[in-house]
Protein backbone atom coordinates (compact mmCIF):
# COMPACT_ATOMS: atom_id res chain seq x y z
CA MET A 1 -0.46 0.07 0.10
CA PRO A 2 1.17 3.31 -0.84
CA LEU A 3 2.88 5.86 1.80
CA SER A 4 -0.33 8.15 0.86
CA LEU A 5 -2.94 5.81 1.91
CA LEU A 6 -1.31 4.62 5.12
CA GLU A 7 -1.61 7.73 6.30
CA THR A 8 -5.16 8.15 5.71
CA HIS A 9 -5.67 4.77 6.45
CA PRO A 10 -8.71 4.54 9.59
CA ARG A 11 -7.27 3.85 12.91
CA SER A 12 -7.52 -0.23 13.65
CA ASP A 13 -10.06 1.04 16.32
CA GLY A 14 -12.00 2.48 13.83
CA THR A 15 -15.85 1.61 13.20
CA ALA A 16 -16.65 -0.86 10.37
CA SER A 17 -18.36 2.40 8.29
CA ASP A 18 -14.80 3.98 8.69
CA LEU A 19 -13.05 0.92 6.51
CA ILE A 20 -15.91 0.65 4.21
CA ASP A 21 -15.29 3.99 3.05
CA PHE A 22 -12.01 4.51 3.08
CA TYR A 23 -11.93 0.98 0.79
CA THR A 24 -14.92 2.10 -1.71
CA SER A 25 -13.19 5.07 -1.93
CA LEU A 26 -10.25 3.33 -3.75
CA THR A 27 -12.03 2.36 -6.76
CA THR A 28 -15.02 3.31 -8.80
CA SER A 29 -18.37 3.15 -8.72
CA GLN A 30 -18.43 1.09 -11.78
CA PHE A 31 -16.53 -1.53 -10.76
CA LEU A 32 -18.28 -1.95 -7.44
CA THR A 33 -21.28 -2.19 -9.18
CA GLU A 34 -19.88 -4.64 -11.28
CA ILE A 35 -18.48 -7.06 -9.17
CA GLY A 36 -21.94 -7.18 -7.14
CA TRP A 37 -20.79 -4.49 -3.86
CA ASP A 38 -24.34 -4.15 -2.28
CA ALA A 39 -23.85 -0.46 -0.24
CA ASP A 40 -27.31 -0.99 1.36
CA ARG A 41 -26.25 -4.24 2.91
CA THR A 42 -22.45 -3.81 3.31
CA ALA A 43 -22.39 -7.22 1.54
CA LEU A 44 -20.22 -8.45 -1.43
CA THR A 45 -21.92 -11.20 -3.78
CA ILE A 46 -19.58 -11.76 -6.69
CA SER A 47 -21.05 -13.22 -10.06
CA GLN A 48 -19.81 -17.00 -11.08
CA GLU A 49 -19.47 -15.61 -14.65
CA HIS A 50 -17.23 -12.54 -13.14
CA PRO A 51 -14.17 -12.81 -15.38
CA LEU A 52 -11.74 -12.14 -13.25
CA LEU A 53 -13.42 -12.87 -9.63
CA GLY A 54 -15.39 -15.28 -10.87
CA TRP A 55 -16.03 -19.15 -9.02
CA ARG A 56 -16.59 -22.57 -10.05
CA ALA A 57 -19.69 -24.52 -8.97
CA CYS A 58 -19.88 -27.23 -7.52
CA ARG A 59 -19.81 -30.37 -10.40
CA SER A 60 -22.89 -32.51 -8.71
CA GLU A 61 -26.31 -31.57 -10.58
CA GLY A 62 -28.35 -29.71 -7.82
CA CYS A 63 -25.94 -28.31 -5.82
CA THR A 64 -24.77 -24.70 -6.36
CA VAL A 65 -22.15 -24.34 -3.95
CA GLY A 66 -18.77 -23.00 -4.85
CA THR A 67 -15.78 -25.09 -4.79
CA ARG A 68 -11.58 -24.69 -5.86
CA ALA A 69 -10.73 -28.31 -5.74
CA LYS A 70 -9.15 -30.16 -7.88
CA LEU A 71 -11.83 -32.94 -8.29
CA GLY A 72 -14.88 -29.76 -9.16
CA LEU A 73 -16.94 -31.04 -5.96
CA CYS A 74 -17.88 -29.19 -2.92
CA SER A 75 -16.55 -30.45 0.69
CA SER A 76 -20.18 -32.18 1.14
CA CYS A 77 -20.54 -33.45 -2.07
CA ALA A 78 -16.75 -34.90 -1.98
CA ASN A 79 -17.58 -36.49 1.32
CA ARG A 80 -20.86 -38.08 -0.24
CA PHE A 81 -18.84 -39.43 -3.52
CA HIS A 82 -16.07 -41.11 -0.82
CA ALA A 83 -18.49 -42.71 0.92
CA SER A 84 -20.49 -43.99 -1.89
CA GLY A 85 -18.56 -46.31 -3.70
CA LEU A 86 -19.01 -45.33 -7.14
CA SER A 87 -17.41 -44.09 -9.58
CA GLU A 88 -16.88 -40.78 -10.26
CA GLU A 89 -19.01 -40.90 -13.69
CA ASP A 90 -22.04 -42.40 -11.42
CA PHE A 91 -22.02 -40.36 -8.76
CA LEU A 92 -21.96 -37.52 -10.70
CA ALA A 93 -25.16 -38.79 -12.81
CA ARG A 94 -26.82 -38.79 -9.84
CA GLY A 95 -27.19 -35.46 -8.81
CA ARG A 96 -27.56 -34.40 -5.40
CA THR A 97 -30.15 -36.18 -4.19
CA SER A 98 -30.16 -34.91 -0.12
CA ARG A 99 -32.98 -32.63 0.76
CA LYS A 100 -32.26 -29.17 1.33
CA SER A 101 -33.74 -26.71 2.64
CA GLY A 102 -32.40 -23.55 0.48
CA LEU A 103 -33.40 -19.95 0.60
CA GLY A 104 -35.94 -18.42 -2.47
CA ARG A 105 -38.77 -16.02 -2.84
CA CYS A 106 -42.31 -16.52 -2.27
CA ALA A 107 -44.10 -18.55 -5.35
CA VAL A 108 -46.82 -15.24 -5.78
CA ALA A 109 -45.25 -13.75 -8.59
CA GLY A 110 -44.06 -10.28 -7.51
CA CYS A 111 -44.13 -11.40 -3.96
CA GLY A 112 -41.07 -9.61 -2.53
CA ARG A 113 -40.49 -12.17 0.58
CA PRO A 114 -39.14 -15.17 1.35
CA TRP A 115 -40.43 -18.45 1.02
CA LYS A 116 -41.88 -19.90 4.43
CA THR A 117 -39.54 -23.13 3.77
CA ALA A 118 -38.43 -24.67 0.19
CA ARG A 119 -41.56 -27.22 0.25
CA ALA A 120 -44.00 -24.85 1.21
CA LYS A 121 -42.45 -22.19 -1.70
CA LEU A 122 -44.78 -19.54 -0.49
CA CYS A 123 -44.09 -16.89 2.26
CA HIS A 124 -45.69 -17.06 5.87
CA ALA A 125 -48.73 -14.84 4.57
CA HIS A 126 -49.78 -16.54 1.58
CA ALA A 127 -49.03 -19.92 2.90
CA HIS A 128 -51.61 -18.85 5.58
CA GLN A 129 -53.91 -17.96 2.38
CA GLN A 130 -53.87 -20.88 1.09
CA GLN A 131 -54.06 -23.48 3.69
CA GLN A 132 -56.38 -21.70 6.00
CA ILE A 133 -58.57 -19.75 3.77
CA LEU A 134 -58.65 -20.76 0.03
CA ARG A 135 -57.37 -24.56 0.61
CA LEU A 136 -56.02 -24.96 -2.81
CA PRO A 137 -53.12 -26.77 -4.68
CA LEU A 138 -50.50 -24.33 -5.22
CA GLN A 139 -50.16 -23.87 -9.10
CA GLU A 140 -54.09 -23.01 -8.75
CA PHE A 141 -53.60 -21.12 -5.66
CA VAL A 142 -50.88 -18.77 -7.42
CA ALA A 143 -53.58 -18.11 -9.90
CA HIS A 144 -56.27 -17.34 -8.09
CA PRO A 145 -57.39 -13.89 -8.25
CA SER A 146 -57.36 -12.92 -4.83
CA VAL A 147 -53.95 -13.79 -4.20
CA THR A 148 -51.64 -10.75 -4.71
CA PRO A 149 -48.18 -9.92 -4.24
CA LEU A 150 -46.84 -8.30 -1.10
CA LEU A 151 -43.96 -5.67 -0.44
CA SER A 152 -40.94 -6.90 1.09
CA TYR A 153 -40.31 -6.07 4.96
CA GLY A 154 -36.79 -4.92 3.94
CA PRO A 155 -33.22 -6.71 4.27
CA CYS A 156 -32.05 -8.30 7.78
CA ALA A 157 -30.47 -5.56 10.24
CA VAL A 158 -27.55 -7.82 10.89
CA VAL A 159 -24.39 -6.35 8.97
CA ALA A 160 -23.85 -8.03 5.32
CA CYS A 161 -26.72 -10.42 5.78
CA LEU A 162 -28.03 -11.07 2.18
CA ARG A 163 -31.54 -12.18 3.84
CA ASP A 164 -34.70 -10.04 4.19
CA ARG A 165 -36.86 -10.36 7.42
CA ASP A 166 -39.92 -12.62 7.30
CA GLY A 167 -42.36 -10.79 9.53
CA THR A 168 -42.88 -7.11 11.39
CA ARG A 169 -41.96 -9.30 14.64
CA SER A 170 -38.19 -8.42 14.18
CA VAL A 171 -35.50 -6.33 12.51
CA TYR A 172 -33.67 -9.79 11.64
CA CYS A 173 -34.53 -12.79 9.02
CA HIS A 174 -35.68 -15.83 10.15
CA ALA A 175 -32.36 -17.57 10.77
CA HIS A 176 -30.67 -14.20 12.75
CA TYR A 177 -34.16 -14.25 15.12
CA GLU A 178 -33.97 -17.56 15.87
CA ARG A 179 -30.15 -17.34 16.94
CA TRP A 180 -30.44 -13.79 18.64
CA LYS A 181 -33.65 -15.50 20.97
CA LEU A 182 -31.14 -18.83 21.87
CA ARG A 183 -28.22 -16.12 22.60
CA GLN A 184 -31.38 -14.20 24.74
CA LYS A 185 -32.39 -16.89 26.56
CA ALA A 186 -28.81 -17.60 27.51
CA GLY A 187 -28.51 -13.94 28.93
CA VAL A 188 -25.51 -13.52 26.47
CA ALA A 189 -27.47 -11.18 24.02
CA ASP A 190 -29.06 -8.27 23.39
CA GLU A 191 -30.36 -5.67 20.72
CA VAL A 192 -27.25 -3.15 20.98
CA SER A 193 -24.74 -5.55 21.00
CA CYS A 194 -24.59 -8.83 19.95
CA PRO A 195 -21.27 -10.02 18.63
CA GLY A 196 -22.42 -13.92 18.03
CA LEU A 197 -25.09 -12.06 15.17
CA VAL A 198 -23.02 -9.38 13.74
CA GLY A 199 -19.39 -11.09 13.32
CA GLY A 200 -17.82 -8.66 15.72
CA SER A 201 -19.24 -5.15 15.03
CA GLN A 202 -20.46 -3.16 17.13
CA ASP A 203 -22.21 -0.54 15.31
CA TRP A 204 -24.78 -2.38 13.53
CA LYS A 205 -27.62 -0.52 15.39
CA ALA A 206 -27.37 2.96 13.77
CA GLY A 207 -27.39 0.88 9.94
CA SER A 208 -30.38 -1.09 11.55
CA ARG A 209 -32.23 2.09 12.15
CA ALA A 210 -31.99 3.85 8.42
CA ARG A 211 -32.97 0.73 7.37
CA THR A 212 -36.39 0.96 9.28
CA GLU A 213 -36.96 4.91 8.97
CA GLU A 214 -39.47 3.61 6.02
CA VAL A 215 -42.00 0.79 6.84
CA PRO A 216 -43.95 -0.68 3.84
CA ALA A 217 -47.01 0.57 2.54
CA ARG A 218 -48.68 -2.67 2.77
CA VAL A 219 -47.67 -5.58 5.09
CA ALA A 220 -50.00 -8.57 5.97
């Protein structure tokens, strides 16, 4: 790093925002957009197809985990391969058969909320409408005229989390909300300082306040 930059580098006790501002100032907004930088979530999601920074997906069909292994399998699939006793060709032909929960959007067209589960494929509100009100199979339900898309609750307040909140009960996504409840039950967490949730950062609260200032026009 040039001496001129060392002189302006934030102190080690600076906040995460100081470091982010410093490093993003060293490049252009065009490059940051190109590599997948999301300033609102303070997260970097690099595209698999990026010519310089791209990554290789696991060769097992149905698996989307990245890998750098010579065999071309992620660690989980590599373990399954070695335990299977199959040839590499036969193993790859089988694909990934183990059940995954996964993350995804509600199956209702235009709905901005995450699905409740991979099996349900609907957000909590639409799952309730399907199961308790209309009582229709999924394909009929999503085409029903009374089923309309809902606005997102916004991003999880945890720094660099790529998930959205799944309700109004918390500023967290479902996974971080459950983790926070466990830590609170153990007496080691509160909403102001929770290093187990935010990777040691103590200045997340200001960011979460900014994210919650705008309330969605329609929630259910």
